[in-house]
Amino acid sequence: MRILLLGGTGEARALAAALHPGVEVISSLAGRVPDPALPVGQVRIGGFGGVDGMRRWLADTPVDAVVDATHPFAATITAHAAEVCADLALPHLLLARPAWPACDAIVVHSDRDAAETVAHRGFSRVFLTTGRTGVAAFRESEAWFLIRAVTPPDADLLPRHHDLLLSRGPYRYDDELAVLRTHRIDALITKNSGGDMTRPKLDAAAALGIPVVMVDRPPVPPGVRTVATVEEALAWVRSQDR
C-alpha cells in the first residue's frame, strides 16, 4: 500500500513512523521552514502547483489514499487535496489536532480582525505569534509588537514598531512567563493551532491576566472525513488496505 501524507506537523511525523515499514509513505512538505524535522520514509519538498499540479502528480505517482496532516491553518492545500481526491474518487482523510478551547479569549476570524481588535481595545504592547505570514495585517498599527516566528517576515510587511524573536517550539511555561513579563506584554495574539507545543503561552497569559486574541480556524471543506488523533488516522489507513 502507498499513501501520500501531506505533512509538516508532529502528527504527520508520528503517523509516518507508525506506518513504517508496512505502508509506503510519501510525505510531502511545503518547504517554507528551513531545516525541517523530516519523517521516516520518502519525502518530497515543495508545492504541487495548485489543483492541476496535484492532479498531475497523482497521475504520475499513483497512491491508494491521501492523508492530510498539515497545519490547521494550511487552508489552501487542504482545499486542493479535498477537491482532487473527490474528483479522482481517492480515499482521503484529514487529521486535524483538536482546537484549544476559547475560554475567555477574544475570538476573531482573521488577522485583519485581530488588528482591528488591537486598535479598538487600545493594546500597546502585543505578543504576536501568528507566524511570518500573519504580520502584514498589523503593518499600520500604532502598537508595539514582539513578533515570534521561525523565519523572518518580509521587511516591507512588518509593523512600524516591533522586535523580532526568531525561535521554534516547543515552548515551556516558565519561559513564556518570562517573555510576557520582560516585554511588559498587554495582549497575546495567536492562531488557534491546538496541540501542546505552543500551549504554554496561553497558560502564561492566563496566569498574568493578559487578554488573548485568538484567530479561529478556517472551515474544513464540506464532506471531508476528519479525525483528531494519530491513532484514529492509523486505524483508517489500515482499513483501506483490505
C-alpha atoms as a PDB file:
ATOM      1  CA  MET A   1       0.000   0.000   0.000  1.00  0.00           C
ATOM      2  CA  ARG A   2       1.210   3.530  -0.785  1.00  0.00           C
ATOM      3  CA  ILE A   3      -0.158   6.765   0.682  1.00  0.00           C
ATOM      4  CA  LEU A   4       0.538  10.434   0.146  1.00  0.00           C
ATOM      5  CA  LEU A   5       0.910  12.092   3.539  1.00  0.00           C
ATOM      6  CA  LEU A   6       0.606  15.880   3.452  1.00  0.00           C
ATOM      7  CA  GLY A   7       2.733  16.726   6.438  1.00  0.00           C
ATOM      8  CA  GLY A   8       4.977  19.189   8.200  1.00  0.00           C
ATOM      9  CA  THR A   9       3.438  18.626  11.649  1.00  0.00           C
ATOM     10  CA  GLY A  10       4.340  16.467  14.609  1.00  0.00           C
ATOM     11  CA  GLU A  11       1.223  14.413  13.976  1.00  0.00           C
ATOM     12  CA  ALA A  12       2.327  13.710  10.404  1.00  0.00           C
ATOM     13  CA  ARG A  13       5.764  12.556  11.544  1.00  0.00           C
ATOM     14  CA  ALA A  14       4.206  10.321  14.198  1.00  0.00           C
ATOM     15  CA  LEU A  15       1.838   8.781  11.650  1.00  0.00           C
ATOM     16  CA  ALA A  16       4.658   8.142   9.166  1.00  0.00           C
ATOM     17  CA  ALA A  17       6.659   6.408  11.891  1.00  0.00           C
ATOM     18  CA  ALA A  18       3.672   4.302  12.961  1.00  0.00           C
ATOM     19  CA  LEU A  19       3.026   3.152   9.384  1.00  0.00           C
ATOM     20  CA  HIS A  20       6.672   2.318   8.658  1.00  0.00           C
ATOM     21  CA  PRO A  21       7.677  -0.116   7.221  1.00  0.00           C
ATOM     22  CA  GLY A  22       4.402  -1.854   6.397  1.00  0.00           C
ATOM     23  CA  VAL A  23       2.977   1.016   4.335  1.00  0.00           C
ATOM     24  CA  GLU A  24       4.895   3.001   1.735  1.00  0.00           C
ATOM     25  CA  VAL A  25       4.535   6.609   2.840  1.00  0.00           C
ATOM     26  CA  ILE A  26       5.436   9.596   0.666  1.00  0.00           C
ATOM     27  CA  SER A  27       5.471  12.631   2.947  1.00  0.00           C
ATOM     28  CA  SER A  28       5.027  15.999   1.273  1.00  0.00           C
ATOM     29  CA  LEU A  29       6.351  19.149   2.991  1.00  0.00           C
ATOM     30  CA  ALA A  30       5.649  22.687   1.847  1.00  0.00           C
ATOM     31  CA  GLY A  31       9.295  23.712   2.158  1.00  0.00           C
ATOM     32  CA  ARG A  32       8.659  27.025   3.909  1.00  0.00           C
ATOM     33  CA  VAL A  33      10.630  26.180   7.055  1.00  0.00           C
ATOM     34  CA  PRO A  34      14.422  25.869   6.838  1.00  0.00           C
ATOM     35  CA  ASP A  35      15.914  22.626   8.113  1.00  0.00           C
ATOM     36  CA  PRO A  36      12.565  20.946   8.826  1.00  0.00           C
ATOM     37  CA  ALA A  37      12.246  17.858  11.007  1.00  0.00           C
ATOM     38  CA  LEU A  38      11.966  15.036   8.487  1.00  0.00           C
ATOM     39  CA  PRO A  39       9.721  11.990   8.856  1.00  0.00           C
ATOM     40  CA  VAL A  40      10.764   8.431   8.145  1.00  0.00           C
ATOM     41  CA  GLY A  41      10.218   7.207   4.619  1.00  0.00           C
ATOM     42  CA  GLN A  42      10.178   9.076   1.334  1.00  0.00           C
ATOM     43  CA  VAL A  43       9.946  12.868   1.412  1.00  0.00           C
ATOM     44  CA  ARG A  44       9.099  15.408  -1.279  1.00  0.00           C
ATOM     45  CA  ILE A  45       9.527  19.119  -0.569  1.00  0.00           C
ATOM     46  CA  GLY A  46       7.687  21.952  -2.294  1.00  0.00           C
ATOM     47  CA  GLY A  47       4.225  22.771  -3.557  1.00  0.00           C
ATOM     48  CA  PHE A  48       2.314  20.864  -6.201  1.00  0.00           C
ATOM     49  CA  GLY A  49       1.370  23.857  -8.322  1.00  0.00           C
ATOM     50  CA  GLY A  50      -2.284  24.105  -7.372  1.00  0.00           C
ATOM     51  CA  VAL A  51      -5.120  21.692  -8.046  1.00  0.00           C
ATOM     52  CA  ASP A  52      -3.932  20.811 -11.557  1.00  0.00           C
ATOM     53  CA  GLY A  53      -0.397  20.209 -10.338  1.00  0.00           C
ATOM     54  CA  MET A  54      -1.563  17.890  -7.596  1.00  0.00           C
ATOM     55  CA  ARG A  55      -3.738  16.004 -10.061  1.00  0.00           C
ATOM     56  CA  ARG A  56      -0.762  15.579 -12.409  1.00  0.00           C
ATOM     57  CA  TRP A  57       1.480  14.440  -9.556  1.00  0.00           C
ATOM     58  CA  LEU A  58      -1.050  11.792  -8.525  1.00  0.00           C
ATOM     59  CA  ALA A  59      -1.295  10.613 -12.131  1.00  0.00           C
ATOM     60  CA  ASP A  60       2.488  10.205 -12.250  1.00  0.00           C
ATOM     61  CA  THR A  61       2.756   8.711  -8.742  1.00  0.00           C
ATOM     62  CA  PRO A  62      -0.381   6.667  -8.065  1.00  0.00           C
ATOM     63  CA  VAL A  63      -1.304   6.205  -4.405  1.00  0.00           C
ATOM     64  CA  ASP A  64      -4.007   4.259  -2.619  1.00  0.00           C
ATOM     65  CA  ALA A  65      -5.029   7.065  -0.264  1.00  0.00           C
ATOM     66  CA  VAL A  66      -4.210  10.621   0.804  1.00  0.00           C
ATOM     67  CA  VAL A  67      -3.896  11.737   4.423  1.00  0.00           C
ATOM     68  CA  ASP A  68      -3.823  15.477   5.060  1.00  0.00           C
ATOM     69  CA  ALA A  69      -1.988  16.111   8.336  1.00  0.00           C
ATOM     70  CA  THR A  70      -0.940  19.680   7.580  1.00  0.00           C
ATOM     71  CA  HIS A  71      -1.200  22.627   9.966  1.00  0.00           C
ATOM     72  CA  PRO A  72      -4.812  23.548  10.844  1.00  0.00           C
ATOM     73  CA  PHE A  73      -4.325  26.888   9.046  1.00  0.00           C
ATOM     74  CA  ALA A  74      -2.935  25.383   5.833  1.00  0.00           C
ATOM     75  CA  ALA A  75      -6.320  26.017   4.235  1.00  0.00           C
ATOM     76  CA  THR A  76      -5.162  26.147   0.619  1.00  0.00           C
ATOM     77  CA  ILE A  77      -3.502  22.730   0.454  1.00  0.00           C
ATOM     78  CA  THR A  78      -6.382  21.231   2.458  1.00  0.00           C
ATOM     79  CA  ALA A  79      -8.918  22.597  -0.028  1.00  0.00           C
ATOM     80  CA  HIS A  80      -6.850  21.419  -3.005  1.00  0.00           C
ATOM     81  CA  ALA A  81      -6.479  17.911  -1.584  1.00  0.00           C
ATOM     82  CA  ALA A  82     -10.214  17.671  -0.893  1.00  0.00           C
ATOM     83  CA  GLU A  83     -11.077  18.753  -4.440  1.00  0.00           C
ATOM     84  CA  VAL A  84      -8.587  16.481  -6.190  1.00  0.00           C
ATOM     85  CA  CYS A  85      -9.396  13.416  -4.092  1.00  0.00           C
ATOM     86  CA  ALA A  86     -13.121  13.917  -4.683  1.00  0.00           C
ATOM     87  CA  ASP A  87     -12.529  14.229  -8.444  1.00  0.00           C
ATOM     88  CA  LEU A  88     -10.394  11.080  -8.509  1.00  0.00           C
ATOM     89  CA  ALA A  89     -12.567   9.111  -6.052  1.00  0.00           C
ATOM     90  CA  LEU A  90      -9.412   8.656  -3.991  1.00  0.00           C
ATOM     91  CA  PRO A  91      -9.759   7.793  -0.275  1.00  0.00           C
ATOM     92  CA  HIS A  92      -8.940  10.928   1.676  1.00  0.00           C
ATOM     93  CA  LEU A  93      -8.639  11.727   5.377  1.00  0.00           C
ATOM     94  CA  LEU A  94      -7.948  14.927   7.289  1.00  0.00           C
ATOM     95  CA  LEU A  95      -6.016  14.557  10.535  1.00  0.00           C
ATOM     96  CA  ALA A  96      -6.694  17.762  12.485  1.00  0.00           C
ATOM     97  CA  ARG A  97      -5.490  18.083  16.058  1.00  0.00           C
ATOM     98  CA  PRO A  98      -8.188  19.357  18.451  1.00  0.00           C
ATOM     99  CA  ALA A  99      -8.536  23.124  18.735  1.00  0.00           C
ATOM    100  CA  TRP A 100      -7.851  24.878  22.017  1.00  0.00           C
ATOM    101  CA  PRO A 101     -10.947  25.857  23.993  1.00  0.00           C
ATOM    102  CA  ALA A 102     -11.524  29.572  23.555  1.00  0.00           C
ATOM    103  CA  CYS A 103     -12.262  30.148  27.266  1.00  0.00           C
ATOM    104  CA  ASP A 104     -12.020  33.933  27.811  1.00  0.00           C
ATOM    105  CA  ALA A 105     -10.190  34.666  24.565  1.00  0.00           C
ATOM    106  CA  ILE A 106     -11.429  37.290  22.126  1.00  0.00           C
ATOM    107  CA  VAL A 107     -12.187  35.100  19.110  1.00  0.00           C
ATOM    108  CA  VAL A 108     -11.750  36.684  15.668  1.00  0.00           C
ATOM    109  CA  HIS A 109     -11.902  35.258  12.165  1.00  0.00           C
ATOM    110  CA  SER A 110      -8.821  36.752  10.527  1.00  0.00           C
ATOM    111  CA  ASP A 111      -5.544  38.563  11.099  1.00  0.00           C
ATOM    112  CA  ARG A 112      -7.230  41.762   9.952  1.00  0.00           C
ATOM    113  CA  ASP A 113      -9.924  41.301  12.601  1.00  0.00           C
ATOM    114  CA  ALA A 114      -7.172  40.812  15.168  1.00  0.00           C
ATOM    115  CA  ALA A 115      -5.504  44.072  14.074  1.00  0.00           C
ATOM    116  CA  GLU A 116      -8.811  45.907  14.414  1.00  0.00           C
ATOM    117  CA  THR A 117      -9.202  44.451  17.906  1.00  0.00           C
ATOM    118  CA  VAL A 118      -5.772  45.770  18.898  1.00  0.00           C
ATOM    119  CA  ALA A 119      -6.793  49.262  17.794  1.00  0.00           C
ATOM    120  CA  HIS A 120     -10.269  49.093  19.331  1.00  0.00           C
ATOM    121  CA  ARG A 121      -9.063  47.800  22.691  1.00  0.00           C
ATOM    122  CA  GLY A 122      -6.077  50.139  22.815  1.00  0.00           C
ATOM    123  CA  PHE A 123      -3.482  47.420  23.331  1.00  0.00           C
ATOM    124  CA  SER A 124       0.003  48.898  23.213  1.00  0.00           C
ATOM    125  CA  ARG A 125       2.489  46.029  23.691  1.00  0.00           C
ATOM    126  CA  VAL A 126       1.447  42.924  21.817  1.00  0.00           C
ATOM    127  CA  PHE A 127       2.988  39.455  21.629  1.00  0.00           C
ATOM    128  CA  LEU A 128       2.219  38.416  18.037  1.00  0.00           C
ATOM    129  CA  THR A 129       2.568  34.660  17.432  1.00  0.00           C
ATOM    130  CA  THR A 130       0.590  34.126  14.227  1.00  0.00           C
ATOM    131  CA  GLY A 131       3.685  33.347  12.137  1.00  0.00           C
ATOM    132  CA  ARG A 132       5.585  35.238   9.452  1.00  0.00           C
ATOM    133  CA  THR A 133       2.650  35.407   7.032  1.00  0.00           C
ATOM    134  CA  GLY A 134       0.335  36.944   9.601  1.00  0.00           C
ATOM    135  CA  VAL A 135       2.205  40.188  10.248  1.00  0.00           C
ATOM    136  CA  ALA A 136       1.014  42.170   7.220  1.00  0.00           C
ATOM    137  CA  ALA A 137      -2.368  42.935   8.791  1.00  0.00           C
ATOM    138  CA  PHE A 138      -0.609  44.847  11.596  1.00  0.00           C
ATOM    139  CA  ARG A 139       1.646  46.949   9.364  1.00  0.00           C
ATOM    140  CA  GLU A 140      -0.233  50.197  10.018  1.00  0.00           C
ATOM    141  CA  SER A 141      -0.835  49.616  13.727  1.00  0.00           C
ATOM    142  CA  GLU A 142       0.346  52.155  16.288  1.00  0.00           C
ATOM    143  CA  ALA A 143       1.068  49.406  18.833  1.00  0.00           C
ATOM    144  CA  TRP A 144       4.471  47.834  19.521  1.00  0.00           C
ATOM    145  CA  PHE A 145       4.783  44.136  18.653  1.00  0.00           C
ATOM    146  CA  LEU A 146       7.038  41.355  19.811  1.00  0.00           C
ATOM    147  CA  ILE A 147       6.832  39.115  16.734  1.00  0.00           C
ATOM    148  CA  ARG A 148       7.769  35.478  17.197  1.00  0.00           C
ATOM    149  CA  ALA A 149       8.398  33.430  14.072  1.00  0.00           C
ATOM    150  CA  VAL A 150      10.623  30.631  12.814  1.00  0.00           C
ATOM    151  CA  THR A 151      11.914  32.692   9.883  1.00  0.00           C
ATOM    152  CA  PRO A 152      11.932  36.492   9.477  1.00  0.00           C
ATOM    153  CA  PRO A 153       8.888  38.048   7.796  1.00  0.00           C
ATOM    154  CA  ASP A 154       9.419  40.222   4.739  1.00  0.00           C
ATOM    155  CA  ALA A 155      10.674  43.600   5.904  1.00  0.00           C
ATOM    156  CA  ASP A 156       8.015  45.552   3.995  1.00  0.00           C
ATOM    157  CA  LEU A 157       5.243  43.689   5.859  1.00  0.00           C
ATOM    158  CA  LEU A 158       6.448  44.472   9.370  1.00  0.00           C
ATOM    159  CA  PRO A 159       4.693  46.912  11.713  1.00  0.00           C
ATOM    160  CA  ARG A 160       6.426  50.216  12.333  1.00  0.00           C
ATOM    161  CA  HIS A 161       7.166  49.395  15.977  1.00  0.00           C
ATOM    162  CA  HIS A 162       8.413  45.887  16.627  1.00  0.00           C
ATOM    163  CA  ASP A 163      11.096  43.493  17.764  1.00  0.00           C
ATOM    164  CA  LEU A 164      11.667  40.073  16.200  1.00  0.00           C
ATOM    165  CA  LEU A 165      12.042  36.912  18.264  1.00  0.00           C
ATOM    166  CA  LEU A 166      13.150  34.091  15.977  1.00  0.00           C
ATOM    167  CA  SER A 167      12.622  30.699  17.573  1.00  0.00           C
ATOM    168  CA  ARG A 168      10.964  27.337  17.138  1.00  0.00           C
ATOM    169  CA  GLY A 169       8.873  25.415  19.666  1.00  0.00           C
ATOM    170  CA  PRO A 170       8.162  23.524  21.785  1.00  0.00           C
ATOM    171  CA  TYR A 171       7.956  26.210  24.467  1.00  0.00           C
ATOM    172  CA  ARG A 172       7.952  25.923  28.260  1.00  0.00           C
ATOM    173  CA  TYR A 173       5.560  27.649  30.632  1.00  0.00           C
ATOM    174  CA  ASP A 174       8.274  29.342  32.708  1.00  0.00           C
ATOM    175  CA  ASP A 175       9.956  30.701  29.587  1.00  0.00           C
ATOM    176  CA  GLU A 176       6.658  32.072  28.273  1.00  0.00           C
ATOM    177  CA  LEU A 177       6.018  33.782  31.606  1.00  0.00           C
ATOM    178  CA  ALA A 178       9.439  35.397  31.358  1.00  0.00           C
ATOM    179  CA  VAL A 179       8.789  36.641  27.811  1.00  0.00           C
ATOM    180  CA  LEU A 180       5.475  38.220  28.784  1.00  0.00           C
ATOM    181  CA  ARG A 181       6.895  39.870  31.892  1.00  0.00           C
ATOM    182  CA  THR A 182      10.181  41.052  30.395  1.00  0.00           C
ATOM    183  CA  HIS A 183       8.480  42.732  27.438  1.00  0.00           C
ATOM    184  CA  ARG A 184       5.554  44.102  29.500  1.00  0.00           C
ATOM    185  CA  ILE A 185       3.053  42.487  27.149  1.00  0.00           C
ATOM    186  CA  ASP A 186      -0.577  43.618  27.470  1.00  0.00           C
ATOM    187  CA  ALA A 187      -2.111  41.332  24.794  1.00  0.00           C
ATOM    188  CA  LEU A 188      -1.319  37.999  23.141  1.00  0.00           C
ATOM    189  CA  ILE A 189      -2.389  37.267  19.569  1.00  0.00           C
ATOM    190  CA  THR A 190      -2.371  33.662  18.437  1.00  0.00           C
ATOM    191  CA  LYS A 191      -3.931  31.344  15.916  1.00  0.00           C
ATOM    192  CA  ASN A 192      -5.978  28.504  17.348  1.00  0.00           C
ATOM    193  CA  SER A 193      -3.398  25.935  16.316  1.00  0.00           C
ATOM    194  CA  GLY A 194      -4.162  23.472  19.087  1.00  0.00           C
ATOM    195  CA  GLY A 195      -1.666  20.961  20.467  1.00  0.00           C
ATOM    196  CA  ASP A 196       0.810  21.054  23.321  1.00  0.00           C
ATOM    197  CA  MET A 197       3.852  22.541  21.597  1.00  0.00           C
ATOM    198  CA  THR A 198       2.751  26.181  21.881  1.00  0.00           C
ATOM    199  CA  ARG A 199       0.014  25.865  24.512  1.00  0.00           C
ATOM    200  CA  PRO A 200       2.185  27.252  27.379  1.00  0.00           C
ATOM    201  CA  LYS A 201       1.829  30.834  26.096  1.00  0.00           C
ATOM    202  CA  LEU A 202      -1.926  30.620  26.751  1.00  0.00           C
ATOM    203  CA  ASP A 203      -1.376  29.299  30.260  1.00  0.00           C
ATOM    204  CA  ALA A 204       1.187  32.017  30.966  1.00  0.00           C
ATOM    205  CA  ALA A 205      -1.137  34.737  29.667  1.00  0.00           C
ATOM    206  CA  ALA A 206      -3.969  33.405  31.819  1.00  0.00           C
ATOM    207  CA  ALA A 207      -1.730  33.393  34.908  1.00  0.00           C
ATOM    208  CA  LEU A 208      -0.805  37.050  34.315  1.00  0.00           C
ATOM    209  CA  GLY A 209      -4.318  38.162  33.354  1.00  0.00           C
ATOM    210  CA  ILE A 210      -3.219  39.133  29.848  1.00  0.00           C
ATOM    211  CA  PRO A 211      -6.019  39.216  27.234  1.00  0.00           C
ATOM    212  CA  VAL A 212      -5.765  36.720  24.363  1.00  0.00           C
ATOM    213  CA  VAL A 213      -6.937  37.469  20.844  1.00  0.00           C
ATOM    214  CA  MET A 214      -7.411  34.118  19.098  1.00  0.00           C
ATOM    215  CA  VAL A 215      -7.797  33.747  15.336  1.00  0.00           C
ATOM    216  CA  ASP A 216     -10.313  30.979  14.684  1.00  0.00           C
ATOM    217  CA  ARG A 217      -9.528  28.124  12.325  1.00  0.00           C
ATOM    218  CA  PRO A 218     -10.615  28.172   8.701  1.00  0.00           C
ATOM    219  CA  PRO A 219     -13.538  25.841   7.977  1.00  0.00           C
ATOM    220  CA  VAL A 220     -12.895  22.298   6.800  1.00  0.00           C
ATOM    221  CA  PRO A 221     -14.063  21.651   3.217  1.00  0.00           C
ATOM    222  CA  PRO A 222     -17.501  20.026   3.212  1.00  0.00           C
ATOM    223  CA  GLY A 223     -17.666  16.259   3.076  1.00  0.00           C
ATOM    224  CA  VAL A 224     -14.101  15.647   4.243  1.00  0.00           C
ATOM    225  CA  ARG A 225     -13.714  12.830   6.747  1.00  0.00           C
ATOM    226  CA  THR A 226     -11.810  14.136   9.767  1.00  0.00           C
ATOM    227  CA  VAL A 227     -10.117  12.514  12.757  1.00  0.00           C
ATOM    228  CA  ALA A 228      -8.385  14.122  15.719  1.00  0.00           C
ATOM    229  CA  THR A 229      -5.624  11.681  16.654  1.00  0.00           C
ATOM    230  CA  VAL A 230      -2.754   9.786  15.087  1.00  0.00           C
ATOM    231  CA  GLU A 231      -4.272   6.549  16.379  1.00  0.00           C
ATOM    232  CA  GLU A 232      -7.519   7.201  14.522  1.00  0.00           C
ATOM    233  CA  ALA A 233      -5.627   8.050  11.346  1.00  0.00           C
ATOM    234  CA  LEU A 234      -3.535   4.888  11.668  1.00  0.00           C
ATOM    235  CA  ALA A 235      -6.674   2.759  12.003  1.00  0.00           C
ATOM    236  CA  TRP A 236      -8.217   4.460   8.949  1.00  0.00           C
ATOM    237  CA  VAL A 237      -5.151   3.853   6.770  1.00  0.00           C
ATOM    238  CA  ARG A 238      -5.058   0.197   7.776  1.00  0.00           C
ATOM    239  CA  SER A 239      -8.749  -0.130   6.980  1.00  0.00           C
ATOM    240  CA  GLN A 240      -8.015   0.913   3.385  1.00  0.00           C
ATOM    241  CA  ASP A 241      -5.593  -1.971   2.911  1.00  0.00           C
ATOM    242  CA  ARG A 242      -8.193  -4.721   2.720  1.00  0.00           C
END
